[in-house]
Amino acid sequence: MIRLVKSRKKLIPMKLGVILESKDPETVWNALRFGVAGLGAGHTVHLFLMGGGVEITTLGNARYDVNSELTHFESAGGTVLACGTCLKNRQLTSSAACPAGTMTDCVDLVVWADKTVTF
């Protein structure tokens, strides 16, 4: 078992890239919670939505309030960009909550980030 111990060292802010491909409400909710936790710890967090993840504004339920967590993520300073082709394939359009980007934007995110995680 791995035991996590809080370090007494000074926090070094990181750039975290999050790639979300799932449309499972629990997974999406957890990805957003991860982003909020990172922002709260002083890191910069950018979220790129691909595949089913671009449906983020239509996901969620009583147990996993995705829209509330998305609002929390954005109000904490997180940024969101969605794959424009994935939006188009689902007959969805770019919006303030889900602005369209490109695969080049996704590559740029991975290059920019100190760490990239996927959900």
C-alpha atoms as a PDB file:
ATOM      1  CA  MET A   1       0.000   0.000   0.000  1.00  0.00           C
ATOM      2  CA  ILE A   2       1.262   3.450  -0.880  1.00  0.00           C
ATOM      3  CA  ARG A   3       0.920   6.022   1.846  1.00  0.00           C
ATOM      4  CA  LEU A   4       0.726   9.653   0.777  1.00  0.00           C
ATOM      5  CA  VAL A   5       2.425  12.121   3.092  1.00  0.00           C
ATOM      6  CA  LYS A   6       2.106  15.862   2.728  1.00  0.00           C
ATOM      7  CA  SER A   7       5.459  17.402   1.970  1.00  0.00           C
ATOM      8  CA  ARG A   8       6.745  20.305   3.995  1.00  0.00           C
ATOM      9  CA  LYS A   9       8.484  21.675   0.938  1.00  0.00           C
ATOM     10  CA  LYS A  10       7.212  24.808  -0.740  1.00  0.00           C
ATOM     11  CA  LEU A  11       4.667  24.078  -3.460  1.00  0.00           C
ATOM     12  CA  ILE A  12       5.969  24.517  -6.975  1.00  0.00           C
ATOM     13  CA  PRO A  13       3.002  25.463  -9.179  1.00  0.00           C
ATOM     14  CA  MET A  14       2.561  23.132 -12.114  1.00  0.00           C
ATOM     15  CA  LYS A  15       0.768  23.303 -15.435  1.00  0.00           C
ATOM     16  CA  LEU A  16      -1.726  20.431 -15.570  1.00  0.00           C
ATOM     17  CA  GLY A  17      -3.353  19.288 -18.797  1.00  0.00           C
ATOM     18  CA  VAL A  18      -6.498  17.191 -18.511  1.00  0.00           C
ATOM     19  CA  ILE A  19      -7.853  15.311 -21.520  1.00  0.00           C
ATOM     20  CA  LEU A  20     -11.420  14.104 -21.057  1.00  0.00           C
ATOM     21  CA  GLU A  21     -12.830  11.547 -23.526  1.00  0.00           C
ATOM     22  CA  SER A  22     -15.570   9.989 -21.420  1.00  0.00           C
ATOM     23  CA  LYS A  23     -19.230  10.871 -21.206  1.00  0.00           C
ATOM     24  CA  ASP A  24     -19.786   8.742 -18.100  1.00  0.00           C
ATOM     25  CA  PRO A  25     -21.172  11.230 -15.526  1.00  0.00           C
ATOM     26  CA  GLU A  26     -19.046   9.908 -12.641  1.00  0.00           C
ATOM     27  CA  THR A  27     -15.844   9.992 -14.682  1.00  0.00           C
ATOM     28  CA  VAL A  28     -16.563  13.500 -15.974  1.00  0.00           C
ATOM     29  CA  TRP A  29     -17.440  14.690 -12.472  1.00  0.00           C
ATOM     30  CA  ASN A  30     -14.182  13.246 -11.107  1.00  0.00           C
ATOM     31  CA  ALA A  31     -12.119  14.847 -13.885  1.00  0.00           C
ATOM     32  CA  LEU A  32     -13.622  18.227 -13.013  1.00  0.00           C
ATOM     33  CA  ARG A  33     -13.061  17.641  -9.283  1.00  0.00           C
ATOM     34  CA  PHE A  34      -9.420  16.817 -10.077  1.00  0.00           C
ATOM     35  CA  GLY A  35      -9.150  20.101 -11.957  1.00  0.00           C
ATOM     36  CA  VAL A  36     -10.729  22.071  -9.120  1.00  0.00           C
ATOM     37  CA  ALA A  37      -8.361  20.434  -6.617  1.00  0.00           C
ATOM     38  CA  GLY A  38      -5.387  21.331  -8.810  1.00  0.00           C
ATOM     39  CA  LEU A  39      -6.536  24.931  -9.128  1.00  0.00           C
ATOM     40  CA  GLY A  40      -7.100  25.093  -5.377  1.00  0.00           C
ATOM     41  CA  ALA A  41      -3.523  23.921  -4.828  1.00  0.00           C
ATOM     42  CA  GLY A  42      -2.212  26.778  -6.950  1.00  0.00           C
ATOM     43  CA  HIS A  43      -1.680  24.951 -10.235  1.00  0.00           C
ATOM     44  CA  THR A  44      -2.837  26.038 -13.691  1.00  0.00           C
ATOM     45  CA  VAL A  45      -5.296  23.575 -15.226  1.00  0.00           C
ATOM     46  CA  HIS A  46      -6.505  23.346 -18.824  1.00  0.00           C
ATOM     47  CA  LEU A  47      -9.143  20.816 -19.903  1.00  0.00           C
ATOM     48  CA  PHE A  48      -9.426  19.492 -23.463  1.00  0.00           C
ATOM     49  CA  LEU A  49     -12.610  17.605 -24.370  1.00  0.00           C
ATOM     50  CA  MET A  50     -12.554  14.862 -27.007  1.00  0.00           C
ATOM     51  CA  GLY A  51     -14.961  12.164 -28.143  1.00  0.00           C
ATOM     52  CA  GLY A  52     -17.890  11.803 -25.762  1.00  0.00           C
ATOM     53  CA  GLY A  53     -16.339  14.411 -23.469  1.00  0.00           C
ATOM     54  CA  VAL A  54     -17.609  17.179 -25.749  1.00  0.00           C
ATOM     55  CA  GLU A  55     -21.115  16.326 -24.518  1.00  0.00           C
ATOM     56  CA  ILE A  56     -20.148  17.672 -21.078  1.00  0.00           C
ATOM     57  CA  THR A  57     -22.970  20.229 -20.870  1.00  0.00           C
ATOM     58  CA  THR A  58     -25.608  17.494 -21.346  1.00  0.00           C
ATOM     59  CA  LEU A  59     -24.164  15.072 -18.804  1.00  0.00           C
ATOM     60  CA  GLY A  60     -24.767  14.582 -15.127  1.00  0.00           C
ATOM     61  CA  ASN A  61     -27.513  13.480 -12.831  1.00  0.00           C
ATOM     62  CA  ALA A  62     -28.666  13.984  -9.248  1.00  0.00           C
ATOM     63  CA  ARG A  63     -25.658  12.108  -7.892  1.00  0.00           C
ATOM     64  CA  TYR A  64     -22.993  13.606 -10.194  1.00  0.00           C
ATOM     65  CA  ASP A  65     -23.772  17.275 -10.771  1.00  0.00           C
ATOM     66  CA  VAL A  66     -21.493  17.816 -13.751  1.00  0.00           C
ATOM     67  CA  ASN A  67     -22.811  21.284 -14.647  1.00  0.00           C
ATOM     68  CA  SER A  68     -22.228  22.594 -11.121  1.00  0.00           C
ATOM     69  CA  GLU A  69     -18.707  21.142 -11.059  1.00  0.00           C
ATOM     70  CA  LEU A  70     -17.981  22.599 -14.517  1.00  0.00           C
ATOM     71  CA  THR A  71     -19.067  26.022 -13.263  1.00  0.00           C
ATOM     72  CA  HIS A  72     -16.881  25.561 -10.180  1.00  0.00           C
ATOM     73  CA  PHE A  73     -13.909  24.571 -12.387  1.00  0.00           C
ATOM     74  CA  GLU A  74     -14.293  27.607 -14.651  1.00  0.00           C
ATOM     75  CA  SER A  75     -14.912  30.061 -11.794  1.00  0.00           C
ATOM     76  CA  ALA A  76     -11.753  28.767 -10.075  1.00  0.00           C
ATOM     77  CA  GLY A  77      -9.764  29.729 -13.178  1.00  0.00           C
ATOM     78  CA  GLY A  78      -9.759  26.526 -15.219  1.00  0.00           C
ATOM     79  CA  THR A  79     -10.068  26.715 -18.983  1.00  0.00           C
ATOM     80  CA  VAL A  80     -11.946  24.390 -21.335  1.00  0.00           C
ATOM     81  CA  LEU A  81     -11.479  23.685 -25.026  1.00  0.00           C
ATOM     82  CA  ALA A  82     -13.312  21.038 -27.066  1.00  0.00           C
ATOM     83  CA  CYS A  83     -12.389  19.148 -30.207  1.00  0.00           C
ATOM     84  CA  GLY A  84     -14.257  20.950 -32.993  1.00  0.00           C
ATOM     85  CA  THR A  85     -14.488  17.826 -35.141  1.00  0.00           C
ATOM     86  CA  CYS A  86     -15.934  15.838 -32.217  1.00  0.00           C
ATOM     87  CA  LEU A  87     -18.539  18.578 -31.714  1.00  0.00           C
ATOM     88  CA  LYS A  88     -19.412  18.568 -35.415  1.00  0.00           C
ATOM     89  CA  ASN A  89     -19.700  14.755 -35.493  1.00  0.00           C
ATOM     90  CA  ARG A  90     -22.364  15.034 -32.778  1.00  0.00           C
ATOM     91  CA  GLN A  91     -24.168  17.979 -34.435  1.00  0.00           C
ATOM     92  CA  LEU A  92     -23.107  20.159 -31.463  1.00  0.00           C
ATOM     93  CA  THR A  93     -21.825  23.700 -31.708  1.00  0.00           C
ATOM     94  CA  SER A  94     -19.174  25.651 -29.897  1.00  0.00           C
ATOM     95  CA  SER A  95     -20.420  27.463 -26.797  1.00  0.00           C
ATOM     96  CA  ALA A  96     -19.014  29.541 -23.951  1.00  0.00           C
ATOM     97  CA  ALA A  97     -18.899  26.408 -21.765  1.00  0.00           C
ATOM     98  CA  CYS A  98     -17.502  24.257 -24.565  1.00  0.00           C
ATOM     99  CA  PRO A  99     -15.528  26.367 -27.068  1.00  0.00           C
ATOM    100  CA  ALA A 100     -14.251  24.595 -30.179  1.00  0.00           C
ATOM    101  CA  GLY A 101     -10.580  23.900 -30.691  1.00  0.00           C
ATOM    102  CA  THR A 102      -8.459  21.697 -32.918  1.00  0.00           C
ATOM    103  CA  MET A 103      -6.183  18.684 -32.606  1.00  0.00           C
ATOM    104  CA  THR A 104      -3.316  21.165 -32.793  1.00  0.00           C
ATOM    105  CA  ASP A 105      -4.708  22.773 -29.623  1.00  0.00           C
ATOM    106  CA  CYS A 106      -4.670  19.354 -27.955  1.00  0.00           C
ATOM    107  CA  VAL A 107      -1.049  18.789 -29.009  1.00  0.00           C
ATOM    108  CA  ASP A 108      -0.168  22.269 -27.738  1.00  0.00           C
ATOM    109  CA  LEU A 109      -1.789  21.406 -24.393  1.00  0.00           C
ATOM    110  CA  VAL A 110       0.328  18.266 -24.026  1.00  0.00           C
ATOM    111  CA  VAL A 111       3.507  20.154 -24.956  1.00  0.00           C
ATOM    112  CA  TRP A 112       2.639  23.030 -22.572  1.00  0.00           C
ATOM    113  CA  ALA A 113       1.741  20.858 -19.572  1.00  0.00           C
ATOM    114  CA  ASP A 114       4.195  19.658 -16.962  1.00  0.00           C
ATOM    115  CA  LYS A 115       1.857  16.683 -16.491  1.00  0.00           C
ATOM    116  CA  THR A 116      -1.057  15.435 -18.577  1.00  0.00           C
ATOM    117  CA  VAL A 117      -3.776  13.144 -17.259  1.00  0.00           C
ATOM    118  CA  THR A 118      -6.632  11.529 -19.131  1.00  0.00           C
ATOM    119  CA  PHE A 119     -10.111  10.561 -18.029  1.00  0.00           C
END
